[in-house]
Amino acid sequence: MTKAELVDALSEEAELSKRQVGELVDMFLDTIAGALRKGDKVQLIPFGSFVVRDRKKREGRNPKTGEKLMIPARRVPAFTPGKGLRTEVAAGKKGGAKKR
């Protein structure tokens, strides 16, 4: 599913314009990115958690030449699925969001 498909699905479900939903999705993603930038953990129970992990500097190789090189330390975002998401995926449930 693409961002545009998500906006379409949410706008139909919530009976809002695609523009309004698009702005909400952008704000939601910006808020998560901002929290991760600060080093905070974002928990969306039962969906999952977004965290920042620190990777140590390590030795790697150039695949073309085989030359050794150092890969610098860096911070990377990571997602850990929650129990609810894991259960739904394992059960093969369709849909995603629950109808009200």
C-alpha atoms as a PDB file:
ATOM      1  CA  MET A   1       0.000   0.000   0.000  1.00  0.00           C
ATOM      2  CA  THR A   2       1.328   3.412  -0.945  1.00  0.00           C
ATOM      3  CA  LYS A   3       0.819   6.664   0.933  1.00  0.00           C
ATOM      4  CA  ALA A   4      -1.723   7.764  -1.704  1.00  0.00           C
ATOM      5  CA  GLU A   5      -3.655   4.495  -1.307  1.00  0.00           C
ATOM      6  CA  LEU A   6      -3.625   4.958   2.472  1.00  0.00           C
ATOM      7  CA  VAL A   7      -4.978   8.503   2.107  1.00  0.00           C
ATOM      8  CA  ASP A   8      -7.711   7.266  -0.247  1.00  0.00           C
ATOM      9  CA  ALA A   9      -8.763   4.475   2.134  1.00  0.00           C
ATOM     10  CA  LEU A  10      -8.777   6.741   5.185  1.00  0.00           C
ATOM     11  CA  SER A  11     -10.676   9.525   3.423  1.00  0.00           C
ATOM     12  CA  GLU A  12     -13.443   7.072   2.464  1.00  0.00           C
ATOM     13  CA  GLU A  13     -13.546   5.552   5.953  1.00  0.00           C
ATOM     14  CA  ALA A  14     -13.568   8.883   7.821  1.00  0.00           C
ATOM     15  CA  GLU A  15     -15.660  10.755   5.229  1.00  0.00           C
ATOM     16  CA  LEU A  16     -13.055  13.524   5.019  1.00  0.00           C
ATOM     17  CA  SER A  17     -11.453  15.071   1.958  1.00  0.00           C
ATOM     18  CA  LYS A  18      -8.282  13.503   0.596  1.00  0.00           C
ATOM     19  CA  ARG A  19      -6.511  16.812   1.226  1.00  0.00           C
ATOM     20  CA  GLN A  20      -7.456  16.811   4.914  1.00  0.00           C
ATOM     21  CA  VAL A  21      -6.428  13.196   5.375  1.00  0.00           C
ATOM     22  CA  GLY A  22      -3.187  13.806   3.450  1.00  0.00           C
ATOM     23  CA  GLU A  23      -2.312  16.669   5.808  1.00  0.00           C
ATOM     24  CA  LEU A  24      -3.097  14.498   8.844  1.00  0.00           C
ATOM     25  CA  VAL A  25      -0.933  11.642   7.536  1.00  0.00           C
ATOM     26  CA  ASP A  26       1.931  14.092   6.881  1.00  0.00           C
ATOM     27  CA  MET A  27       1.602  15.544  10.406  1.00  0.00           C
ATOM     28  CA  PHE A  28       1.523  12.030  11.873  1.00  0.00           C
ATOM     29  CA  LEU A  29       4.695  10.996  10.037  1.00  0.00           C
ATOM     30  CA  ASP A  30       6.460  14.286  10.837  1.00  0.00           C
ATOM     31  CA  THR A  31       5.628  13.857  14.525  1.00  0.00           C
ATOM     32  CA  ILE A  32       7.073  10.334  14.567  1.00  0.00           C
ATOM     33  CA  ALA A  33      10.210  11.482  12.701  1.00  0.00           C
ATOM     34  CA  GLY A  34      10.657  14.408  15.107  1.00  0.00           C
ATOM     35  CA  ALA A  35      10.391  12.152  18.157  1.00  0.00           C
ATOM     36  CA  LEU A  36      12.934   9.723  16.678  1.00  0.00           C
ATOM     37  CA  ARG A  37      15.265  12.614  15.826  1.00  0.00           C
ATOM     38  CA  LYS A  38      15.230  13.540  19.529  1.00  0.00           C
ATOM     39  CA  GLY A  39      15.964   9.924  20.462  1.00  0.00           C
ATOM     40  CA  ASP A  40      12.490   9.180  21.849  1.00  0.00           C
ATOM     41  CA  LYS A  41      10.700   5.868  21.426  1.00  0.00           C
ATOM     42  CA  VAL A  42       7.271   5.962  19.750  1.00  0.00           C
ATOM     43  CA  GLN A  43       4.870   3.257  20.945  1.00  0.00           C
ATOM     44  CA  LEU A  44       1.607   2.645  19.096  1.00  0.00           C
ATOM     45  CA  ILE A  45       0.034  -0.152  21.099  1.00  0.00           C
ATOM     46  CA  PRO A  46      -0.927  -2.751  19.776  1.00  0.00           C
ATOM     47  CA  PHE A  47       0.594  -1.805  16.383  1.00  0.00           C
ATOM     48  CA  GLY A  48       4.278  -1.560  17.299  1.00  0.00           C
ATOM     49  CA  SER A  49       7.177   0.647  18.341  1.00  0.00           C
ATOM     50  CA  PHE A  50       9.585   2.884  16.472  1.00  0.00           C
ATOM     51  CA  VAL A  51      13.026   3.304  18.047  1.00  0.00           C
ATOM     52  CA  VAL A  52      16.467   4.633  17.134  1.00  0.00           C
ATOM     53  CA  ARG A  53      19.302   2.130  17.279  1.00  0.00           C
ATOM     54  CA  ASP A  54      22.998   2.952  17.347  1.00  0.00           C
ATOM     55  CA  ARG A  55      25.200   0.953  15.021  1.00  0.00           C
ATOM     56  CA  LYS A  56      28.877   0.693  15.878  1.00  0.00           C
ATOM     57  CA  LYS A  57      31.604   1.447  13.401  1.00  0.00           C
ATOM     58  CA  ARG A  58      32.624  -1.722  11.592  1.00  0.00           C
ATOM     59  CA  GLU A  59      34.800  -3.063   8.852  1.00  0.00           C
ATOM     60  CA  GLY A  60      33.233  -3.774   5.472  1.00  0.00           C
ATOM     61  CA  ARG A  61      34.333  -4.565   1.944  1.00  0.00           C
ATOM     62  CA  ASN A  62      33.758  -2.923  -1.411  1.00  0.00           C
ATOM     63  CA  PRO A  63      31.879  -5.616  -3.355  1.00  0.00           C
ATOM     64  CA  LYS A  64      33.491  -4.644  -6.681  1.00  0.00           C
ATOM     65  CA  THR A  65      37.125  -4.504  -5.593  1.00  0.00           C
ATOM     66  CA  GLY A  66      37.142  -6.488  -2.365  1.00  0.00           C
ATOM     67  CA  GLU A  67      38.965  -3.571  -0.734  1.00  0.00           C
ATOM     68  CA  LYS A  68      38.502  -3.259   3.038  1.00  0.00           C
ATOM     69  CA  LEU A  69      36.890  -0.071   4.328  1.00  0.00           C
ATOM     70  CA  MET A  70      35.505   1.290   7.588  1.00  0.00           C
ATOM     71  CA  ILE A  71      31.758   1.842   7.815  1.00  0.00           C
ATOM     72  CA  PRO A  72      31.184   4.712  10.248  1.00  0.00           C
ATOM     73  CA  ALA A  73      28.943   4.499  13.317  1.00  0.00           C
ATOM     74  CA  ARG A  74      25.432   5.776  12.729  1.00  0.00           C
ATOM     75  CA  ARG A  75      21.938   5.956  14.136  1.00  0.00           C
ATOM     76  CA  VAL A  76      19.163   4.112  12.306  1.00  0.00           C
ATOM     77  CA  PRO A  77      15.394   3.983  12.800  1.00  0.00           C
ATOM     78  CA  ALA A  78      13.893   0.574  13.564  1.00  0.00           C
ATOM     79  CA  PHE A  79      10.370  -0.798  13.894  1.00  0.00           C
ATOM     80  CA  THR A  80       9.300  -3.607  16.187  1.00  0.00           C
ATOM     81  CA  PRO A  81       5.795  -4.946  15.537  1.00  0.00           C
ATOM     82  CA  GLY A  82       3.454  -5.201  18.513  1.00  0.00           C
ATOM     83  CA  LYS A  83       1.605  -8.305  19.598  1.00  0.00           C
ATOM     84  CA  GLY A  84      -1.656  -7.162  17.976  1.00  0.00           C
ATOM     85  CA  LEU A  85      -0.031  -6.645  14.576  1.00  0.00           C
ATOM     86  CA  ARG A  86       1.888  -9.928  14.769  1.00  0.00           C
ATOM     87  CA  THR A  87      -1.314 -11.784  15.670  1.00  0.00           C
ATOM     88  CA  GLU A  88      -3.289 -10.231  12.800  1.00  0.00           C
ATOM     89  CA  VAL A  89      -0.582 -10.954  10.241  1.00  0.00           C
ATOM     90  CA  ALA A  90      -0.140 -14.533  11.455  1.00  0.00           C
ATOM     91  CA  ALA A  91      -3.907 -15.125  11.329  1.00  0.00           C
ATOM     92  CA  GLY A  92      -4.091 -13.656   7.836  1.00  0.00           C
ATOM     93  CA  LYS A  93      -6.851 -11.213   8.753  1.00  0.00           C
ATOM     94  CA  LYS A  94      -7.870  -8.833   6.005  1.00  0.00           C
ATOM     95  CA  GLY A  95      -8.742  -5.182   6.340  1.00  0.00           C
ATOM     96  CA  GLY A  96      -6.564  -3.704   9.029  1.00  0.00           C
ATOM     97  CA  ALA A  97      -8.545  -0.977  10.774  1.00  0.00           C
ATOM     98  CA  LYS A  98     -11.556  -2.098  12.729  1.00  0.00           C
ATOM     99  CA  LYS A  99     -14.957  -0.804  11.671  1.00  0.00           C
ATOM    100  CA  ARG A 100     -16.828   1.250  14.232  1.00  0.00           C
END
